[in-house]
């Protein structure tokens, strides 16, 4: 949660936004948002999974949690397979 505080109030936080700020790196199958730290900003957060405390903190701050389908592998553009 503490890392999400770096986003502006009202922002949409997704995998691309997290990668752009280098808050997530590498290749992974699912992204899980944990509830460590505090959240005071109203954010729309898209992730494959959320801890119970993360969901509570996002909603308490007036934000929204969007659950992504977990069957797709998230990869940076450099790691994505070519067509």
N, C-alpha and C. Protein backbone atom coordinates (compact mmCIF):
# COMPACT_ATOMS: atom_id res chain seq x y z
N UNK A 1 0.81 -1.17 0.00
CA UNK A 1 0.00 0.00 0.00
C UNK A 1 0.87 1.25 0.00
N UNK A 2 1.94 1.21 0.75
CA UNK A 2 2.80 2.38 0.84
C UNK A 2 3.33 2.82 -0.52
N UNK A 3 3.63 1.86 -1.40
CA UNK A 3 4.13 2.21 -2.73
C UNK A 3 3.05 2.84 -3.59
N UNK A 4 1.80 2.50 -3.33
CA UNK A 4 0.69 3.08 -4.10
C UNK A 4 0.48 4.55 -3.76
N UNK A 5 0.97 4.99 -2.61
CA UNK A 5 0.86 6.39 -2.21
C UNK A 5 1.60 7.32 -3.17
N UNK A 6 2.53 6.79 -3.96
CA UNK A 6 3.28 7.63 -4.89
C UNK A 6 2.43 8.06 -6.10
N UNK A 7 1.26 7.43 -6.28
CA UNK A 7 0.37 7.79 -7.37
C UNK A 7 -0.53 8.95 -6.95
N UNK A 8 -0.96 9.73 -7.93
CA UNK A 8 -1.83 10.87 -7.66
C UNK A 8 -3.23 10.39 -7.30
N UNK A 9 -3.91 11.17 -6.48
CA UNK A 9 -5.27 10.86 -6.09
C UNK A 9 -6.14 10.73 -7.35
N UNK A 10 -6.93 9.67 -7.42
CA UNK A 10 -7.80 9.44 -8.56
C UNK A 10 -7.16 8.66 -9.70
N UNK A 11 -5.90 8.27 -9.56
CA UNK A 11 -5.18 7.56 -10.62
C UNK A 11 -5.69 6.14 -10.79
N UNK A 12 -5.49 5.62 -12.00
CA UNK A 12 -5.76 4.20 -12.28
C UNK A 12 -4.40 3.50 -12.24
N UNK A 13 -4.24 2.58 -11.31
CA UNK A 13 -2.97 1.87 -11.13
C UNK A 13 -3.15 0.46 -11.68
N UNK A 14 -2.38 0.16 -12.75
CA UNK A 14 -2.40 -1.18 -13.33
C UNK A 14 -0.96 -1.65 -13.50
N UNK A 15 -0.78 -2.80 -14.12
CA UNK A 15 0.56 -3.37 -14.28
C UNK A 15 1.45 -2.42 -15.05
N UNK A 16 0.94 -1.80 -16.12
CA UNK A 16 1.74 -0.88 -16.92
C UNK A 16 2.20 0.31 -16.08
N UNK A 17 1.33 0.85 -15.25
CA UNK A 17 1.69 2.00 -14.41
C UNK A 17 2.73 1.60 -13.37
N UNK A 18 2.60 0.40 -12.82
CA UNK A 18 3.58 -0.08 -11.85
C UNK A 18 4.93 -0.32 -12.50
N UNK A 19 4.94 -0.86 -13.71
CA UNK A 19 6.19 -1.08 -14.44
C UNK A 19 6.86 0.25 -14.79
N UNK A 20 6.07 1.22 -15.19
CA UNK A 20 6.61 2.52 -15.58
C UNK A 20 7.37 3.16 -14.41
N UNK A 21 6.89 2.96 -13.20
CA UNK A 21 7.56 3.50 -12.01
C UNK A 21 8.55 2.52 -11.41
N UNK A 22 8.75 1.40 -12.09
CA UNK A 22 9.67 0.35 -11.65
C UNK A 22 9.32 -0.23 -10.27
N UNK A 23 8.02 -0.30 -10.00
CA UNK A 23 7.56 -0.90 -8.75
C UNK A 23 7.38 -2.40 -8.89
N UNK A 24 7.24 -2.87 -10.14
CA UNK A 24 7.29 -4.31 -10.44
C UNK A 24 8.21 -4.48 -11.65
N UNK A 25 8.92 -5.59 -11.65
CA UNK A 25 9.84 -5.86 -12.75
C UNK A 25 9.82 -7.35 -13.06
N UNK A 26 10.35 -7.69 -14.21
CA UNK A 26 10.46 -9.09 -14.59
C UNK A 26 9.16 -9.67 -15.09
N UNK A 27 9.15 -10.98 -15.18
CA UNK A 27 8.02 -11.72 -15.71
C UNK A 27 7.32 -12.46 -14.56
N UNK A 28 6.01 -12.45 -14.58
CA UNK A 28 5.26 -13.12 -13.52
C UNK A 28 3.90 -13.55 -14.06
N UNK A 29 3.30 -14.52 -13.40
CA UNK A 29 2.00 -15.03 -13.82
C UNK A 29 0.85 -14.24 -13.21
N UNK A 30 1.00 -13.84 -11.97
CA UNK A 30 -0.04 -13.06 -11.30
C UNK A 30 0.60 -11.96 -10.46
N UNK A 31 -0.13 -10.87 -10.33
CA UNK A 31 0.29 -9.76 -9.48
C UNK A 31 -0.67 -9.71 -8.31
N UNK A 32 -0.12 -9.71 -7.10
CA UNK A 32 -0.95 -9.61 -5.90
C UNK A 32 -0.59 -8.34 -5.16
N UNK A 33 -1.59 -7.55 -4.83
CA UNK A 33 -1.41 -6.33 -4.06
C UNK A 33 -1.58 -6.68 -2.58
N UNK A 34 -0.57 -6.34 -1.79
CA UNK A 34 -0.61 -6.62 -0.36
C UNK A 34 -0.99 -5.36 0.42
N UNK A 35 -1.45 -5.54 1.62
CA UNK A 35 -1.96 -4.44 2.43
C UNK A 35 -0.95 -3.81 3.37
N UNK A 36 0.35 -3.91 3.07
CA UNK A 36 1.36 -3.29 3.92
C UNK A 36 1.30 -1.77 3.80
N UNK A 37 1.41 -1.07 4.92
CA UNK A 37 1.42 0.39 4.88
C UNK A 37 0.03 0.97 4.84
N UNK A 38 -0.03 2.27 4.65
CA UNK A 38 -1.30 2.99 4.63
C UNK A 38 -1.62 3.50 3.24
N UNK A 39 -2.89 3.72 2.98
CA UNK A 39 -3.33 4.30 1.72
C UNK A 39 -4.34 5.39 2.03
N UNK A 40 -4.05 6.60 1.57
CA UNK A 40 -4.93 7.74 1.85
C UNK A 40 -5.54 8.30 0.58
N UNK A 41 -5.18 7.75 -0.58
CA UNK A 41 -5.65 8.28 -1.86
C UNK A 41 -6.69 7.37 -2.49
N UNK A 42 -7.63 7.98 -3.19
CA UNK A 42 -8.67 7.24 -3.90
C UNK A 42 -8.08 6.77 -5.23
N UNK A 43 -7.80 5.47 -5.33
CA UNK A 43 -7.20 4.89 -6.52
C UNK A 43 -8.06 3.76 -7.06
N UNK A 44 -7.99 3.55 -8.36
CA UNK A 44 -8.55 2.36 -8.98
C UNK A 44 -7.37 1.45 -9.26
N UNK A 45 -7.31 0.32 -8.59
CA UNK A 45 -6.15 -0.57 -8.67
C UNK A 45 -6.57 -1.86 -9.37
N UNK A 46 -5.88 -2.19 -10.46
CA UNK A 46 -6.14 -3.42 -11.21
C UNK A 46 -5.03 -4.42 -10.93
N UNK A 47 -5.39 -5.61 -10.48
CA UNK A 47 -4.43 -6.66 -10.17
C UNK A 47 -5.12 -8.01 -10.28
N UNK A 48 -4.32 -9.07 -10.32
CA UNK A 48 -4.88 -10.41 -10.38
C UNK A 48 -5.44 -10.84 -9.03
N UNK A 49 -4.77 -10.40 -7.95
CA UNK A 49 -5.19 -10.78 -6.61
C UNK A 49 -4.94 -9.62 -5.64
N UNK A 50 -5.69 -9.62 -4.55
CA UNK A 50 -5.55 -8.63 -3.49
C UNK A 50 -5.62 -9.35 -2.15
N UNK A 51 -4.79 -8.94 -1.20
CA UNK A 51 -4.95 -9.48 0.14
C UNK A 51 -6.21 -8.85 0.74
N UNK A 52 -6.74 -9.47 1.77
CA UNK A 52 -7.94 -8.96 2.41
C UNK A 52 -7.70 -7.54 2.93
N UNK A 53 -6.53 -7.32 3.55
CA UNK A 53 -6.24 -5.99 4.10
C UNK A 53 -6.06 -4.95 2.99
N UNK A 54 -5.52 -5.36 1.84
CA UNK A 54 -5.37 -4.43 0.71
C UNK A 54 -6.74 -4.00 0.20
N UNK A 55 -7.65 -4.95 0.05
CA UNK A 55 -9.01 -4.62 -0.39
C UNK A 55 -9.67 -3.65 0.58
N UNK A 56 -9.53 -3.92 1.87
CA UNK A 56 -10.14 -3.06 2.88
C UNK A 56 -9.57 -1.64 2.81
N UNK A 57 -8.26 -1.51 2.66
CA UNK A 57 -7.62 -0.19 2.63
C UNK A 57 -7.97 0.59 1.36
N UNK A 58 -8.03 -0.10 0.23
CA UNK A 58 -8.41 0.57 -1.02
C UNK A 58 -9.84 1.09 -0.92
N UNK A 59 -10.74 0.26 -0.43
CA UNK A 59 -12.14 0.67 -0.30
C UNK A 59 -12.33 1.74 0.76
N UNK A 60 -11.60 1.65 1.87
CA UNK A 60 -11.69 2.65 2.93
C UNK A 60 -11.26 4.03 2.43
N UNK A 61 -10.28 4.06 1.51
CA UNK A 61 -9.79 5.33 0.95
C UNK A 61 -10.73 5.83 -0.16
N UNK A 62 -11.78 5.07 -0.47
CA UNK A 62 -12.74 5.49 -1.49
C UNK A 62 -12.40 4.99 -2.88
N UNK A 63 -11.41 4.11 -2.97
CA UNK A 63 -10.97 3.57 -4.26
C UNK A 63 -11.71 2.32 -4.66
N UNK A 64 -11.22 1.71 -5.73
CA UNK A 64 -11.86 0.52 -6.29
C UNK A 64 -10.78 -0.50 -6.65
N UNK A 65 -11.04 -1.77 -6.36
CA UNK A 65 -10.15 -2.86 -6.73
C UNK A 65 -10.76 -3.61 -7.90
N UNK A 66 -10.00 -3.75 -8.97
CA UNK A 66 -10.45 -4.45 -10.18
C UNK A 66 -9.63 -5.73 -10.30
N UNK A 67 -10.32 -6.88 -10.30
CA UNK A 67 -9.63 -8.17 -10.39
C UNK A 67 -9.45 -8.54 -11.86
N UNK A 68 -8.19 -8.76 -12.24
CA UNK A 68 -7.85 -9.15 -13.61
C UNK A 68 -7.90 -10.66 -13.75
N UNK A 69 -8.18 -11.17 -14.95
CA UNK A 69 -8.10 -12.63 -15.15
C UNK A 69 -6.66 -13.08 -14.98
N UNK A 70 -6.46 -14.22 -14.34
CA UNK A 70 -5.10 -14.66 -14.02
C UNK A 70 -4.52 -15.66 -15.02
N UNK A 71 -5.20 -15.93 -16.11
CA UNK A 71 -4.69 -16.91 -17.07
C UNK A 71 -3.62 -16.33 -17.99
N UNK A 72 -3.52 -15.02 -18.12
CA UNK A 72 -2.53 -14.41 -19.00
C UNK A 72 -1.24 -14.15 -18.23
N UNK A 73 -0.12 -14.31 -18.90
CA UNK A 73 1.19 -14.04 -18.29
C UNK A 73 1.56 -12.60 -18.58
N UNK A 74 1.88 -11.86 -17.54
CA UNK A 74 2.28 -10.47 -17.70
C UNK A 74 3.78 -10.43 -17.98
N UNK A 75 4.17 -9.76 -19.04
CA UNK A 75 5.57 -9.66 -19.40
C UNK A 75 5.84 -8.26 -19.91
N UNK A 76 7.07 -7.84 -19.74
CA UNK A 76 7.44 -6.53 -20.30
C UNK A 76 7.49 -6.68 -21.81
N UNK A 77 7.36 -5.57 -22.56
CA UNK A 77 7.37 -5.66 -24.03
C UNK A 77 8.62 -6.37 -24.57
N UNK A 78 9.75 -6.20 -23.92
CA UNK A 78 10.98 -6.84 -24.39
C UNK A 78 10.93 -8.35 -24.21
N UNK A 79 10.13 -8.82 -23.23
CA UNK A 79 10.06 -10.26 -22.95
C UNK A 79 8.88 -10.93 -23.64
N UNK A 80 8.00 -10.15 -24.25
CA UNK A 80 6.82 -10.71 -24.88
C UNK A 80 7.22 -11.52 -26.13
N UNK A 81 6.57 -12.65 -26.32
CA UNK A 81 6.90 -13.44 -27.52
C UNK A 81 6.50 -12.69 -28.79
N UNK A 82 7.31 -12.83 -29.80
CA UNK A 82 6.99 -12.17 -31.08
C UNK A 82 6.01 -13.01 -31.88
N UNK A 83 5.20 -12.34 -32.67
CA UNK A 83 4.15 -13.02 -33.44
C UNK A 83 4.69 -13.68 -34.67
